C-alpha atoms as a PDB file:
ATOM      1  CA  UNK A   1     -19.403 -17.521 -17.621  1.00  0.00           C
ATOM      2  CA  UNK A   2     -19.175 -17.469 -13.921  1.00  0.00           C
ATOM      3  CA  UNK A   3     -17.495 -14.642 -11.355  1.00  0.00           C
ATOM      4  CA  UNK A   4     -15.325 -17.675 -10.681  1.00  0.00           C
ATOM      5  CA  UNK A   5     -14.297 -17.933 -14.222  1.00  0.00           C
ATOM      6  CA  UNK A   6     -13.707 -14.483 -14.780  1.00  0.00           C
ATOM      7  CA  UNK A   7     -11.485 -13.785 -11.436  1.00  0.00           C
ATOM      8  CA  UNK A   8      -8.146 -13.258 -11.935  1.00  0.00           C
ATOM      9  CA  UNK A   9      -5.828 -16.080 -10.566  1.00  0.00           C
ATOM     10  CA  UNK A  10      -2.104 -16.126  -9.549  1.00  0.00           C
ATOM     11  CA  UNK A  11      -0.724 -19.600 -11.132  1.00  0.00           C
ATOM     12  CA  UNK A  12       2.885 -18.590 -10.472  1.00  0.00           C
ATOM     13  CA  UNK A  13       5.571 -17.050  -8.237  1.00  0.00           C
ATOM     14  CA  UNK A  14       8.871 -16.017  -8.246  1.00  0.00           C
ATOM     15  CA  UNK A  15      11.777 -14.470  -5.767  1.00  0.00           C
ATOM     16  CA  UNK A  16      14.889 -12.967  -5.522  1.00  0.00           C
ATOM     17  CA  UNK A  17      15.830 -11.152  -2.436  1.00  0.00           C
ATOM     18  CA  UNK A  18      17.991 -10.682   0.388  1.00  0.00           C
ATOM     19  CA  UNK A  19      16.901 -13.868   1.865  1.00  0.00           C
ATOM     20  CA  UNK A  20      18.375 -15.760  -1.303  1.00  0.00           C
ATOM     21  CA  UNK A  21      17.001 -17.167  -4.744  1.00  0.00           C
ATOM     22  CA  UNK A  22      13.811 -18.851  -4.533  1.00  0.00           C
ATOM     23  CA  UNK A  23      10.746 -18.687  -2.601  1.00  0.00           C
ATOM     24  CA  UNK A  24      11.816 -20.984   0.254  1.00  0.00           C
ATOM     25  CA  UNK A  25      14.293 -18.765   1.313  1.00  0.00           C
ATOM     26  CA  UNK A  26      11.179 -16.283   1.988  1.00  0.00           C
ATOM     27  CA  UNK A  27       9.450 -19.166   3.593  1.00  0.00           C
ATOM     28  CA  UNK A  28      12.227 -19.756   5.760  1.00  0.00           C
ATOM     29  CA  UNK A  29      12.960 -15.502   6.669  1.00  0.00           C
ATOM     30  CA  UNK A  30       8.821 -15.510   7.495  1.00  0.00           C
ATOM     31  CA  UNK A  31       9.046 -18.405   9.727  1.00  0.00           C
ATOM     32  CA  UNK A  32      11.731 -16.993  12.000  1.00  0.00           C
ATOM     33  CA  UNK A  33      11.317 -13.102  11.281  1.00  0.00           C
ATOM     34  CA  UNK A  34      14.926 -12.710  11.474  1.00  0.00           C
ATOM     35  CA  UNK A  35      16.309  -9.494   9.099  1.00  0.00           C
ATOM     36  CA  UNK A  36      18.183 -10.697   6.316  1.00  0.00           C
ATOM     37  CA  UNK A  37      20.007  -6.936   5.823  1.00  0.00           C
ATOM     38  CA  UNK A  38      23.794  -6.843   6.286  1.00  0.00           C
ATOM     39  CA  UNK A  39      26.317  -4.558   7.426  1.00  0.00           C
ATOM     40  CA  UNK A  40      27.240  -2.081   4.622  1.00  0.00           C
ATOM     41  CA  UNK A  41      30.872  -2.332   4.360  1.00  0.00           C
ATOM     42  CA  UNK A  42      32.688   0.708   6.463  1.00  0.00           C
ATOM     43  CA  UNK A  43      34.275   1.611   2.965  1.00  0.00           C
ATOM     44  CA  UNK A  44      31.313   2.591   1.003  1.00  0.00           C
ATOM     45  CA  UNK A  45      29.456   4.571   3.999  1.00  0.00           C
ATOM     46  CA  UNK A  46      31.639   4.013   7.266  1.00  0.00           C
ATOM     47  CA  UNK A  47      29.636   2.157   9.171  1.00  0.00           C
ATOM     48  CA  UNK A  48      26.549   2.100  10.915  1.00  0.00           C
ATOM     49  CA  UNK A  49      24.098   1.175   8.361  1.00  0.00           C
ATOM     50  CA  UNK A  50      22.526  -1.803   6.656  1.00  0.00           C
ATOM     51  CA  UNK A  51      21.643  -2.982   3.058  1.00  0.00           C
ATOM     52  CA  UNK A  52      19.897  -5.493   1.488  1.00  0.00           C
ATOM     53  CA  UNK A  53      22.008  -6.900  -1.285  1.00  0.00           C
ATOM     54  CA  UNK A  54      20.978 -10.411  -2.812  1.00  0.00           C
ATOM     55  CA  UNK A  55      23.570 -13.274  -1.570  1.00  0.00           C
ATOM     56  CA  UNK A  56      23.974 -16.532  -3.497  1.00  0.00           C
ATOM     57  CA  UNK A  57      22.866 -15.384  -6.583  1.00  0.00           C
ATOM     58  CA  UNK A  58      25.292 -16.501  -9.691  1.00  0.00           C
ATOM     59  CA  UNK A  59      24.040 -15.458 -12.770  1.00  0.00           C
ATOM     60  CA  UNK A  60      26.424 -18.123 -14.315  1.00  0.00           C
ATOM     61  CA  UNK A  61      23.961 -20.933 -13.019  1.00  0.00           C
ATOM     62  CA  UNK A  62      21.572 -19.518 -15.122  1.00  0.00           C
ATOM     63  CA  UNK A  63      22.864 -18.709 -18.298  1.00  0.00           C
ATOM     64  CA  UNK A  64      26.360 -18.500 -19.875  1.00  0.00           C
ATOM     65  CA  UNK A  65      28.744 -15.585 -18.922  1.00  0.00           C
ATOM     66  CA  UNK A  66      28.937 -14.203 -22.661  1.00  0.00           C
ATOM     67  CA  UNK A  67      25.300 -13.895 -22.585  1.00  0.00           C
ATOM     68  CA  UNK A  68      25.300 -12.440 -18.607  1.00  0.00           C
ATOM     69  CA  UNK A  69      27.313  -9.911 -19.798  1.00  0.00           C
ATOM     70  CA  UNK A  70      25.047  -8.313 -21.776  1.00  0.00           C
ATOM     71  CA  UNK A  71      22.445  -7.667 -18.875  1.00  0.00           C
ATOM     72  CA  UNK A  72      22.555  -5.429 -16.275  1.00  0.00           C
ATOM     73  CA  UNK A  73      21.918  -6.216 -12.688  1.00  0.00           C
ATOM     74  CA  UNK A  74      18.752  -5.935 -12.686  1.00  0.00           C
ATOM     75  CA  UNK A  75      18.075  -7.237 -15.951  1.00  0.00           C
ATOM     76  CA  UNK A  76      19.974 -10.604 -14.972  1.00  0.00           C
ATOM     77  CA  UNK A  77      17.013 -10.540 -12.055  1.00  0.00           C
ATOM     78  CA  UNK A  78      14.133  -9.865 -14.266  1.00  0.00           C
ATOM     79  CA  UNK A  79      15.267 -12.444 -16.918  1.00  0.00           C
ATOM     80  CA  UNK A  80      15.862 -15.577 -14.060  1.00  0.00           C
ATOM     81  CA  UNK A  81      12.990 -14.563 -11.997  1.00  0.00           C
ATOM     82  CA  UNK A  82      10.909 -14.709 -15.251  1.00  0.00           C
ATOM     83  CA  UNK A  83      11.984 -17.935 -16.115  1.00  0.00           C
ATOM     84  CA  UNK A  84      11.543 -19.187 -12.642  1.00  0.00           C
ATOM     85  CA  UNK A  85       7.858 -17.995 -12.242  1.00  0.00           C
ATOM     86  CA  UNK A  86       6.836 -19.775 -15.957  1.00  0.00           C
ATOM     87  CA  UNK A  87       8.059 -22.652 -14.686  1.00  0.00           C
ATOM     88  CA  UNK A  88       6.177 -22.668 -11.258  1.00  0.00           C
ATOM     89  CA  UNK A  89       2.921 -21.677 -13.255  1.00  0.00           C
ATOM     90  CA  UNK A  90       3.460 -24.739 -15.762  1.00  0.00           C
ATOM     91  CA  UNK A  91       3.490 -22.708 -18.890  1.00  0.00           C
ATOM     92  CA  UNK A  92       5.167 -24.825 -21.603  1.00  0.00           C
ATOM     93  CA  UNK A  93       6.015 -21.504 -24.158  1.00  0.00           C
ATOM     94  CA  UNK A  94       6.255 -24.029 -26.948  1.00  0.00           C
ATOM     95  CA  UNK A  95       2.715 -24.783 -26.451  1.00  0.00           C
ATOM     96  CA  UNK A  96       1.163 -21.461 -26.170  1.00  0.00           C
ATOM     97  CA  UNK A  97       0.807 -17.988 -28.033  1.00  0.00           C
ATOM     98  CA  UNK A  98       3.525 -16.217 -27.076  1.00  0.00           C
ATOM     99  CA  UNK A  99       1.876 -13.179 -28.492  1.00  0.00           C
ATOM    100  CA  UNK A 100      -0.867 -13.759 -25.724  1.00  0.00           C
ATOM    101  CA  UNK A 101       1.735 -13.479 -22.856  1.00  0.00           C
ATOM    102  CA  UNK A 102       3.209 -10.171 -21.234  1.00  0.00           C
ATOM    103  CA  UNK A 103       5.148  -8.623 -18.943  1.00  0.00           C
ATOM    104  CA  UNK A 104       4.451  -5.757 -16.878  1.00  0.00           C
ATOM    105  CA  UNK A 105       7.401  -4.678 -14.195  1.00  0.00           C
ATOM    106  CA  UNK A 106       7.079  -2.104 -11.629  1.00  0.00           C
ATOM    107  CA  UNK A 107      10.951  -0.383 -11.096  1.00  0.00           C
ATOM    108  CA  UNK A 108      12.951   1.716  -9.167  1.00  0.00           C
ATOM    109  CA  UNK A 109      16.688   2.108 -10.125  1.00  0.00           C
ATOM    110  CA  UNK A 110      16.997  -0.377 -12.986  1.00  0.00           C
ATOM    111  CA  UNK A 111      19.968  -0.155 -14.784  1.00  0.00           C
ATOM    112  CA  UNK A 112      21.730   2.112 -12.759  1.00  0.00           C
ATOM    113  CA  UNK A 113      24.870   0.481 -11.899  1.00  0.00           C
ATOM    114  CA  UNK A 114      25.531   0.719 -16.306  1.00  0.00           C
ATOM    115  CA  UNK A 115      24.062   4.373 -16.629  1.00  0.00           C
ATOM    116  CA  UNK A 116      26.899   5.234 -13.717  1.00  0.00           C
ATOM    117  CA  UNK A 117      29.939   3.410 -16.222  1.00  0.00           C
ATOM    118  CA  UNK A 118      28.402   4.557 -19.159  1.00  0.00           C
ATOM    119  CA  UNK A 119      28.312   8.152 -17.693  1.00  0.00           C
ATOM    120  CA  UNK A 120      31.657   7.580 -15.822  1.00  0.00           C
ATOM    121  CA  UNK A 121      32.983   6.975 -19.315  1.00  0.00           C
ATOM    122  CA  UNK A 122      31.673  10.471 -20.849  1.00  0.00           C
ATOM    123  CA  UNK A 123      32.685  12.607 -17.653  1.00  0.00           C
ATOM    124  CA  UNK A 124      36.126  11.095 -17.943  1.00  0.00           C
ATOM    125  CA  UNK A 125      36.882  10.710 -21.449  1.00  0.00           C
ATOM    126  CA  UNK A 126      34.230  12.306 -23.737  1.00  0.00           C
ATOM    127  CA  UNK A 127      32.692  11.262 -26.078  1.00  0.00           C
ATOM    128  CA  UNK A 128      35.789   8.412 -26.612  1.00  0.00           C
ATOM    129  CA  UNK A 129      34.572   7.298 -23.656  1.00  0.00           C
ATOM    130  CA  UNK A 130      31.184   6.278 -24.173  1.00  0.00           C
ATOM    131  CA  UNK A 131      30.467   2.420 -24.334  1.00  0.00           C
ATOM    132  CA  UNK A 132      27.676   1.813 -26.915  1.00  0.00           C
ATOM    133  CA  UNK A 133      27.095  -1.702 -25.410  1.00  0.00           C
ATOM    134  CA  UNK A 134      26.129  -0.004 -22.115  1.00  0.00           C
ATOM    135  CA  UNK A 135      23.296   1.841 -23.390  1.00  0.00           C
ATOM    136  CA  UNK A 136      20.201  -0.324 -23.815  1.00  0.00           C
ATOM    137  CA  UNK A 137      20.622  -1.160 -20.402  1.00  0.00           C
ATOM    138  CA  UNK A 138      20.931   2.468 -18.524  1.00  0.00           C
ATOM    139  CA  UNK A 139      16.795   2.542 -18.723  1.00  0.00           C
ATOM    140  CA  UNK A 140      14.137   1.261 -16.369  1.00  0.00           C
ATOM    141  CA  UNK A 141      12.331  -0.665 -19.084  1.00  0.00           C
ATOM    142  CA  UNK A 142      15.378  -2.702 -20.051  1.00  0.00           C
ATOM    143  CA  UNK A 143      14.673  -5.622 -17.301  1.00  0.00           C
ATOM    144  CA  UNK A 144      11.336  -6.349 -18.650  1.00  0.00           C
ATOM    145  CA  UNK A 145      12.468  -6.064 -22.314  1.00  0.00           C
ATOM    146  CA  UNK A 146      15.482  -8.599 -21.856  1.00  0.00           C
ATOM    147  CA  UNK A 147      13.220 -10.784 -20.342  1.00  0.00           C
ATOM    148  CA  UNK A 148      10.731 -10.794 -22.760  1.00  0.00           C
ATOM    149  CA  UNK A 149      13.047 -10.933 -25.539  1.00  0.00           C
ATOM    150  CA  UNK A 150      14.802 -14.000 -23.701  1.00  0.00           C
ATOM    151  CA  UNK A 151      11.474 -16.166 -23.449  1.00  0.00           C
ATOM    152  CA  UNK A 152       9.667 -15.153 -26.813  1.00  0.00           C
ATOM    153  CA  UNK A 153       7.181 -12.894 -24.875  1.00  0.00           C
ATOM    154  CA  UNK A 154       5.023 -11.029 -27.694  1.00  0.00           C
ATOM    155  CA  UNK A 155       2.245  -9.852 -25.782  1.00  0.00           C
ATOM    156  CA  UNK A 156       2.156  -6.397 -23.758  1.00  0.00           C
ATOM    157  CA  UNK A 157       5.586  -5.074 -22.618  1.00  0.00           C
ATOM    158  CA  UNK A 158       5.388  -1.974 -20.205  1.00  0.00           C
ATOM    159  CA  UNK A 159       7.655  -0.737 -17.238  1.00  0.00           C
ATOM    160  CA  UNK A 160       5.935   1.539 -14.637  1.00  0.00           C
ATOM    161  CA  UNK A 161       8.309   3.854 -11.842  1.00  0.00           C
ATOM    162  CA  UNK A 162       5.865   5.101  -9.419  1.00  0.00           C
ATOM    163  CA  UNK A 163       7.800   5.441  -6.114  1.00  0.00           C
ATOM    164  CA  UNK A 164       7.265   2.743  -3.392  1.00  0.00           C
ATOM    165  CA  UNK A 165       3.984   1.451  -5.499  1.00  0.00           C
ATOM    166  CA  UNK A 166       5.996   0.751  -8.559  1.00  0.00           C
ATOM    167  CA  UNK A 167       4.907  -3.019  -8.529  1.00  0.00           C
ATOM    168  CA  UNK A 168       1.183  -2.354  -7.396  1.00  0.00           C
ATOM    169  CA  UNK A 169       0.995   0.100 -10.381  1.00  0.00           C
ATOM    170  CA  UNK A 170       2.248  -2.643 -12.324  1.00  0.00           C
ATOM    171  CA  UNK A 171      -0.086  -5.674 -11.017  1.00  0.00           C
ATOM    172  CA  UNK A 172      -3.064  -2.953 -11.832  1.00  0.00           C
ATOM    173  CA  UNK A 173      -2.041  -2.442 -15.328  1.00  0.00           C
ATOM    174  CA  UNK A 174      -1.665  -6.243 -15.786  1.00  0.00           C
ATOM    175  CA  UNK A 175      -4.777  -7.117 -14.655  1.00  0.00           C
ATOM    176  CA  UNK A 176      -6.532  -4.487 -17.191  1.00  0.00           C
ATOM    177  CA  UNK A 177      -4.594  -6.386 -19.831  1.00  0.00           C
ATOM    178  CA  UNK A 178      -5.993  -9.312 -18.920  1.00  0.00           C
ATOM    179  CA  UNK A 179      -9.648  -7.873 -18.558  1.00  0.00           C
ATOM    180  CA  UNK A 180      -9.519  -6.293 -21.709  1.00  0.00           C
ATOM    181  CA  UNK A 181      -8.281  -9.625 -23.212  1.00  0.00           C
ATOM    182  CA  UNK A 182      -5.108  -8.394 -24.553  1.00  0.00           C
ATOM    183  CA  UNK A 183      -3.064 -10.948 -23.507  1.00  0.00           C
ATOM    184  CA  UNK A 184      -3.861 -14.752 -21.666  1.00  0.00           C
ATOM    185  CA  UNK A 185      -1.119 -14.656 -19.314  1.00  0.00           C
ATOM    186  CA  UNK A 186       0.691 -11.545 -17.749  1.00  0.00           C
ATOM    187  CA  UNK A 187       3.962 -11.645 -15.598  1.00  0.00           C
ATOM    188  CA  UNK A 188       4.165  -8.957 -13.190  1.00  0.00           C
ATOM    189  CA  UNK A 189       5.469  -7.240 -10.126  1.00  0.00           C
ATOM    190  CA  UNK A 190       8.721  -5.632  -9.089  1.00  0.00           C
ATOM    191  CA  UNK A 191      12.798  -5.615  -9.765  1.00  0.00           C
ATOM    192  CA  UNK A 192      15.310  -3.515  -8.825  1.00  0.00           C
ATOM    193  CA  UNK A 193      18.852  -3.361  -8.000  1.00  0.00           C
ATOM    194  CA  UNK A 194      21.457  -1.807  -5.883  1.00  0.00           C
ATOM    195  CA  UNK A 195      24.887  -0.939  -5.521  1.00  0.00           C
ATOM    196  CA  UNK A 196      27.420   1.129  -3.319  1.00  0.00           C
ATOM    197  CA  UNK A 197      27.195   4.439  -5.817  1.00  0.00           C
ATOM    198  CA  UNK A 198      22.967   4.801  -4.470  1.00  0.00           C
ATOM    199  CA  UNK A 199      23.848   4.404  -1.089  1.00  0.00           C
ATOM    200  CA  UNK A 200      26.647   7.216  -1.283  1.00  0.00           C
ATOM    201  CA  UNK A 201      23.684   9.075  -3.384  1.00  0.00           C
ATOM    202  CA  UNK A 202      21.117   8.225  -0.500  1.00  0.00           C
ATOM    203  CA  UNK A 203      23.638   9.363   2.205  1.00  0.00           C
ATOM    204  CA  UNK A 204      24.242  12.956   0.314  1.00  0.00           C
ATOM    205  CA  UNK A 205      20.628  13.720   0.283  1.00  0.00           C
ATOM    206  CA  UNK A 206      20.037  12.359   3.805  1.00  0.00           C
ATOM    207  CA  UNK A 207      17.858   9.535   2.976  1.00  0.00           C
ATOM    208  CA  UNK A 208      19.418   7.050   5.036  1.00  0.00           C
ATOM    209  CA  UNK A 209      17.732   7.515   8.236  1.00  0.00           C
ATOM    210  CA  UNK A 210      14.428   7.811   6.738  1.00  0.00           C
ATOM    211  CA  UNK A 211      12.848   6.265   3.487  1.00  0.00           C
ATOM    212  CA  UNK A 212      16.438   4.833   2.226  1.00  0.00           C
ATOM    213  CA  UNK A 213      17.128   2.908   5.658  1.00  0.00           C
ATOM    214  CA  UNK A 214      17.531  -0.397   4.824  1.00  0.00           C
ATOM    215  CA  UNK A 215      17.631  -0.442   1.225  1.00  0.00           C
ATOM    216  CA  UNK A 216      17.249  -3.809  -1.171  1.00  0.00           C
ATOM    217  CA  UNK A 217      17.398  -5.408  -4.175  1.00  0.00           C
ATOM    218  CA  UNK A 218      15.778  -8.304  -5.792  1.00  0.00           C
ATOM    219  CA  UNK A 219      12.765  -9.286  -7.851  1.00  0.00           C
ATOM    220  CA  UNK A 220       9.607 -10.741  -6.826  1.00  0.00           C
ATOM    221  CA  UNK A 221       7.460 -11.803  -9.806  1.00  0.00           C
ATOM    222  CA  UNK A 222       3.913 -13.153 -10.447  1.00  0.00           C
ATOM    223  CA  UNK A 223       1.762 -14.943 -13.285  1.00  0.00           C
ATOM    224  CA  UNK A 224      -1.568 -13.969 -13.744  1.00  0.00           C
ATOM    225  CA  UNK A 225      -4.379 -15.450 -15.625  1.00  0.00           C
ATOM    226  CA  UNK A 226      -7.853 -15.442 -15.916  1.00  0.00           C
ATOM    227  CA  UNK A 227      -9.462 -18.154 -13.727  1.00  0.00           C
ATOM    228  CA  UNK A 228     -11.195 -19.723 -17.235  1.00  0.00           C
ATOM    229  CA  UNK A 229      -8.139 -20.001 -18.877  1.00  0.00           C
ATOM    230  CA  UNK A 230      -5.855 -21.224 -16.211  1.00  0.00           C
ATOM    231  CA  UNK A 231      -8.409 -24.145 -15.010  1.00  0.00           C
ATOM    232  CA  UNK A 232      -8.716 -25.180 -19.543  1.00  0.00           C
ATOM    233  CA  UNK A 233      -4.923 -25.488 -19.299  1.00  0.00           C
ATOM    234  CA  UNK A 234      -4.937 -27.675 -15.862  1.00  0.00           C
ATOM    235  CA  UNK A 235      -2.693 -24.744 -14.171  1.00  0.00           C
ATOM    236  CA  UNK A 236      -2.664 -25.124 -10.231  1.00  0.00           C
ATOM    237  CA  UNK A 237      -4.062 -22.074  -8.592  1.00  0.00           C
ATOM    238  CA  UNK A 238      -2.283 -20.749  -5.564  1.00  0.00           C
ATOM    239  CA  UNK A 239      -4.511 -17.599  -4.871  1.00  0.00           C
ATOM    240  CA  UNK A 240      -7.108 -14.769  -6.610  1.00  0.00           C
ATOM    241  CA  UNK A 241      -7.627 -11.504  -6.518  1.00  0.00           C
ATOM    242  CA  UNK A 242     -10.103  -9.382  -5.500  1.00  0.00           C
ATOM    243  CA  UNK A 243     -10.753  -5.314  -5.887  1.00  0.00           C
ATOM    244  CA  UNK A 244      -7.569  -3.388  -6.182  1.00  0.00           C
ATOM    245  CA  UNK A 245      -8.540   0.149  -5.623  1.00  0.00           C
ATOM    246  CA  UNK A 246      -6.194   3.234  -5.504  1.00  0.00           C
ATOM    247  CA  UNK A 247      -5.988   6.884  -4.290  1.00  0.00           C
ATOM    248  CA  UNK A 248      -3.560   9.490  -5.378  1.00  0.00           C
ATOM    249  CA  UNK A 249      -3.688  11.422  -2.039  1.00  0.00           C
ATOM    250  CA  UNK A 250      -4.849  11.689   1.712  1.00  0.00           C
ATOM    251  CA  UNK A 251      -6.271  15.363   1.530  1.00  0.00           C
ATOM    252  CA  UNK A 252      -5.565  16.955   4.672  1.00  0.00           C
ATOM    253  CA  UNK A 253      -8.993  17.536   6.511  1.00  0.00           C
ATOM    254  CA  UNK A 254     -10.904  14.568   4.171  1.00  0.00           C
ATOM    255  CA  UNK A 255      -8.156  11.457   5.734  1.00  0.00           C
ATOM    256  CA  UNK A 256     -11.154   9.222   6.862  1.00  0.00           C
ATOM    257  CA  UNK A 257     -13.059  10.046   3.777  1.00  0.00           C
ATOM    258  CA  UNK A 258      -9.717   8.844   1.614  1.00  0.00           C
ATOM    259  CA  UNK A 259      -9.253   5.734   3.962  1.00  0.00           C
ATOM    260  CA  UNK A 260     -12.836   4.602   3.157  1.00  0.00           C
ATOM    261  CA  UNK A 261     -12.686   4.569  -0.606  1.00  0.00           C
ATOM    262  CA  UNK A 262      -8.955   3.124  -0.208  1.00  0.00           C
ATOM    263  CA  UNK A 263     -10.091  -0.037   1.919  1.00  0.00           C
ATOM    264  CA  UNK A 264     -13.726  -0.085   1.466  1.00  0.00           C
ATOM    265  CA  UNK A 265     -16.107  -2.612   2.902  1.00  0.00           C
ATOM    266  CA  UNK A 266     -12.603  -4.667   3.959  1.00  0.00           C
ATOM    267  CA  UNK A 267     -13.438  -7.095   6.757  1.00  0.00           C
ATOM    268  CA  UNK A 268     -12.620 -10.243   8.223  1.00  0.00           C
ATOM    269  CA  UNK A 269      -9.129 -10.636   7.217  1.00  0.00           C
ATOM    270  CA  UNK A 270      -6.761 -12.961   7.827  1.00  0.00           C
ATOM    271  CA  UNK A 271      -3.468 -11.178   7.139  1.00  0.00           C
ATOM    272  CA  UNK A 272      -2.508  -7.568   6.017  1.00  0.00           C
ATOM    273  CA  UNK A 273       0.229  -7.136   3.882  1.00  0.00           C
ATOM    274  CA  UNK A 274       2.310  -3.492   4.636  1.00  0.00           C
ATOM    275  CA  UNK A 275       4.494  -2.171   1.728  1.00  0.00           C
ATOM    276  CA  UNK A 276       6.297   0.790   1.167  1.00  0.00           C
ATOM    277  CA  UNK A 277       5.378   3.382   3.818  1.00  0.00           C
ATOM    278  CA  UNK A 278       2.387   1.665   4.942  1.00  0.00           C
ATOM    279  CA  UNK A 279       3.406   0.414   7.935  1.00  0.00           C
ATOM    280  CA  UNK A 280       4.297   3.816   9.390  1.00  0.00           C
ATOM    281  CA  UNK A 281       0.135   4.731   8.844  1.00  0.00           C
ATOM    282  CA  UNK A 282      -1.510   4.350  11.913  1.00  0.00           C
ATOM    283  CA  UNK A 283      -4.888   5.567  10.807  1.00  0.00           C
ATOM    284  CA  UNK A 284      -4.532   2.657   8.726  1.00  0.00           C
ATOM    285  CA  UNK A 285      -3.305   0.209  11.289  1.00  0.00           C
ATOM    286  CA  UNK A 286      -6.025   1.608  13.740  1.00  0.00           C
ATOM    287  CA  UNK A 287      -8.525  -0.084  11.277  1.00  0.00           C
ATOM    288  CA  UNK A 288      -7.162  -3.871  11.596  1.00  0.00           C
ATOM    289  CA  UNK A 289      -5.735  -3.583  15.395  1.00  0.00           C
ATOM    290  CA  UNK A 290      -6.416  -7.612  15.698  1.00  0.00           C
ATOM    291  CA  UNK A 291      -5.119  -8.623  12.187  1.00  0.00           C
ATOM    292  CA  UNK A 292      -1.867 -10.182  12.063  1.00  0.00           C
ATOM    293  CA  UNK A 293       0.576  -8.144   9.555  1.00  0.00           C
ATOM    294  CA  UNK A 294       2.781  -8.916   7.268  1.00  0.00           C
ATOM    295  CA  UNK A 295       5.923  -6.122   6.741  1.00  0.00           C
ATOM    296  CA  UNK A 296       8.663  -7.935   4.512  1.00  0.00           C
ATOM    297  CA  UNK A 297      10.407  -4.496   4.646  1.00  0.00           C
ATOM    298  CA  UNK A 298      11.660  -5.407   8.337  1.00  0.00           C
ATOM    299  CA  UNK A 299      13.001  -8.883   7.180  1.00  0.00           C
ATOM    300  CA  UNK A 300      13.581  -8.068   3.444  1.00  0.00           C
ATOM    301  CA  UNK A 301      14.649  -4.685   3.103  1.00  0.00           C
ATOM    302  CA  UNK A 302      13.290  -1.726   1.504  1.00  0.00           C
ATOM    303  CA  UNK A 303      13.386  -0.763  -2.293  1.00  0.00           C
ATOM    304  CA  UNK A 304      10.629   1.423  -4.748  1.00  0.00           C
ATOM    305  CA  UNK A 305       9.857  -2.256  -6.129  1.00  0.00           C
ATOM    306  CA  UNK A 306       9.544  -4.029  -3.270  1.00  0.00           C
ATOM    307  CA  UNK A 307       5.611  -4.769  -3.686  1.00  0.00           C
ATOM    308  CA  UNK A 308       6.764  -7.306  -6.035  1.00  0.00           C
ATOM    309  CA  UNK A 309       7.834  -9.737  -3.464  1.00  0.00           C
ATOM    310  CA  UNK A 310       5.753  -8.379  -0.634  1.00  0.00           C
ATOM    311  CA  UNK A 311       2.692  -9.501  -2.844  1.00  0.00           C
ATOM    312  CA  UNK A 312       4.778 -13.126  -3.415  1.00  0.00           C
ATOM    313  CA  UNK A 313       5.261 -13.236   0.044  1.00  0.00           C
ATOM    314  CA  UNK A 314       1.722 -12.607   1.337  1.00  0.00           C
ATOM    315  CA  UNK A 315       0.710 -15.547  -1.332  1.00  0.00           C
ATOM    316  CA  UNK A 316       3.337 -17.853   0.224  1.00  0.00           C
ATOM    317  CA  UNK A 317       1.490 -17.043   3.666  1.00  0.00           C
ATOM    318  CA  UNK A 318      -2.022 -17.310   2.661  1.00  0.00           C
ATOM    319  CA  UNK A 319      -3.819 -20.281   3.418  1.00  0.00           C
ATOM    320  CA  UNK A 320      -6.805 -21.676   0.918  1.00  0.00           C
ATOM    321  CA  UNK A 321      -9.698 -19.668   1.719  1.00  0.00           C
ATOM    322  CA  UNK A 322      -8.123 -16.890   3.776  1.00  0.00           C
ATOM    323  CA  UNK A 323      -8.206 -13.218   2.708  1.00  0.00           C
ATOM    324  CA  UNK A 324      -6.120 -10.509   2.992  1.00  0.00           C
ATOM    325  CA  UNK A 325      -5.278  -7.017   1.741  1.00  0.00           C
ATOM    326  CA  UNK A 326      -1.804  -5.739   0.529  1.00  0.00           C
ATOM    327  CA  UNK A 327      -1.454  -2.422   1.518  1.00  0.00           C
ATOM    328  CA  UNK A 328       1.150   0.050  -0.123  1.00  0.00           C
ATOM    329  CA  UNK A 329       1.747   3.678   0.071  1.00  0.00           C
ATOM    330  CA  UNK A 330       4.851   6.470  -0.770  1.00  0.00           C
ATOM    331  CA  UNK A 331       5.092   9.105   1.174  1.00  0.00           C
ATOM    332  CA  UNK A 332       3.104  11.459  -0.804  1.00  0.00           C
ATOM    333  CA  UNK A 333       1.270   8.726  -2.625  1.00  0.00           C
ATOM    334  CA  UNK A 334      -0.268   6.948  -4.221  1.00  0.00           C
ATOM    335  CA  UNK A 335      -1.939   4.540  -1.991  1.00  0.00           C
ATOM    336  CA  UNK A 336      -3.116   1.032  -3.262  1.00  0.00           C
ATOM    337  CA  UNK A 337      -4.991  -1.845  -1.586  1.00  0.00           C
ATOM    338  CA  UNK A 338      -4.861  -4.927  -3.405  1.00  0.00           C
ATOM    339  CA  UNK A 339      -7.022  -8.163  -2.132  1.00  0.00           C
ATOM    340  CA  UNK A 340      -5.909 -11.328  -2.596  1.00  0.00           C
ATOM    341  CA  UNK A 341      -7.790 -14.734  -1.881  1.00  0.00           C
ATOM    342  CA  UNK A 342      -5.912 -17.834  -1.122  1.00  0.00           C
ATOM    343  CA  UNK A 343      -5.997 -21.167  -2.439  1.00  0.00           C
ATOM    344  CA  UNK A 344      -8.092 -22.583  -5.585  1.00  0.00           C
ATOM    345  CA  UNK A 345     -11.223 -22.629  -3.778  1.00  0.00           C
ATOM    346  CA  UNK A 346     -12.270 -19.294  -4.082  1.00  0.00           C
END
């Protein structure tokens, strides 16, 4: 089997963001470069702050209201985005072995709205105030689990929470499942939600001027497959993955060695994607002084799972034959560098 056949490829994308529902709103946002963040209502924080709530998302457009009531907002994003990604990849579930299709998501605050409601009932009314129906959606793995149940996906199902690198951690493990032949298709990326209580919490701990500035919500999903499998079923290939490198920390006094390990021999890039706090890493940016940069956080907002939307935006921007690196960082680590190649010709 050739290297081309073994290469992991991307066959589908889905996005729900502060720009809107679908990939077209992101294309437009990248084209005009204008921020899609909106002012936080004064009754929430007193004014002067911005957030990236998803506008135009009506869950009733995608599922019956009674079903939607069973899902927390983050799960609604995940279920809808998963359906969009599968459709974009041309996957006909009825003709495929669903035990070979998995989902692996990064998530930060998934289910926090239901957690708030669940705990409020307890603190205000005691045990009698608890609502059992809310409990399954109070955990971060609820979005991936609800999506897998909705579409009958019986392959690997994992959720990772790793600060601003949650989606990249999920991507790495999803690739590993494909390489170990534990699945033929993996949905991966990131999903998160945002509400007023979160913003008040960020304010209380002094984060609104730093890492929680311009926080956002939404979902960015990629459909991954082995090249041979994708071509066998006649899938359209959007791009492929190269090396994925990660380090835990940049140790003081050995930063250059750490960066060399993280970035490898990367050169001749058409685009550098920056996620998390990577845009503030001057030591990294100095290595690519003339490479065009894609920073979705400035346009769509920031979240712990923002890497999913950032990688989707990168693939939407990458032309056939071009090479790019997606760089993600959390304030205290880890750091990820993911190589992407554009188009089906790679």
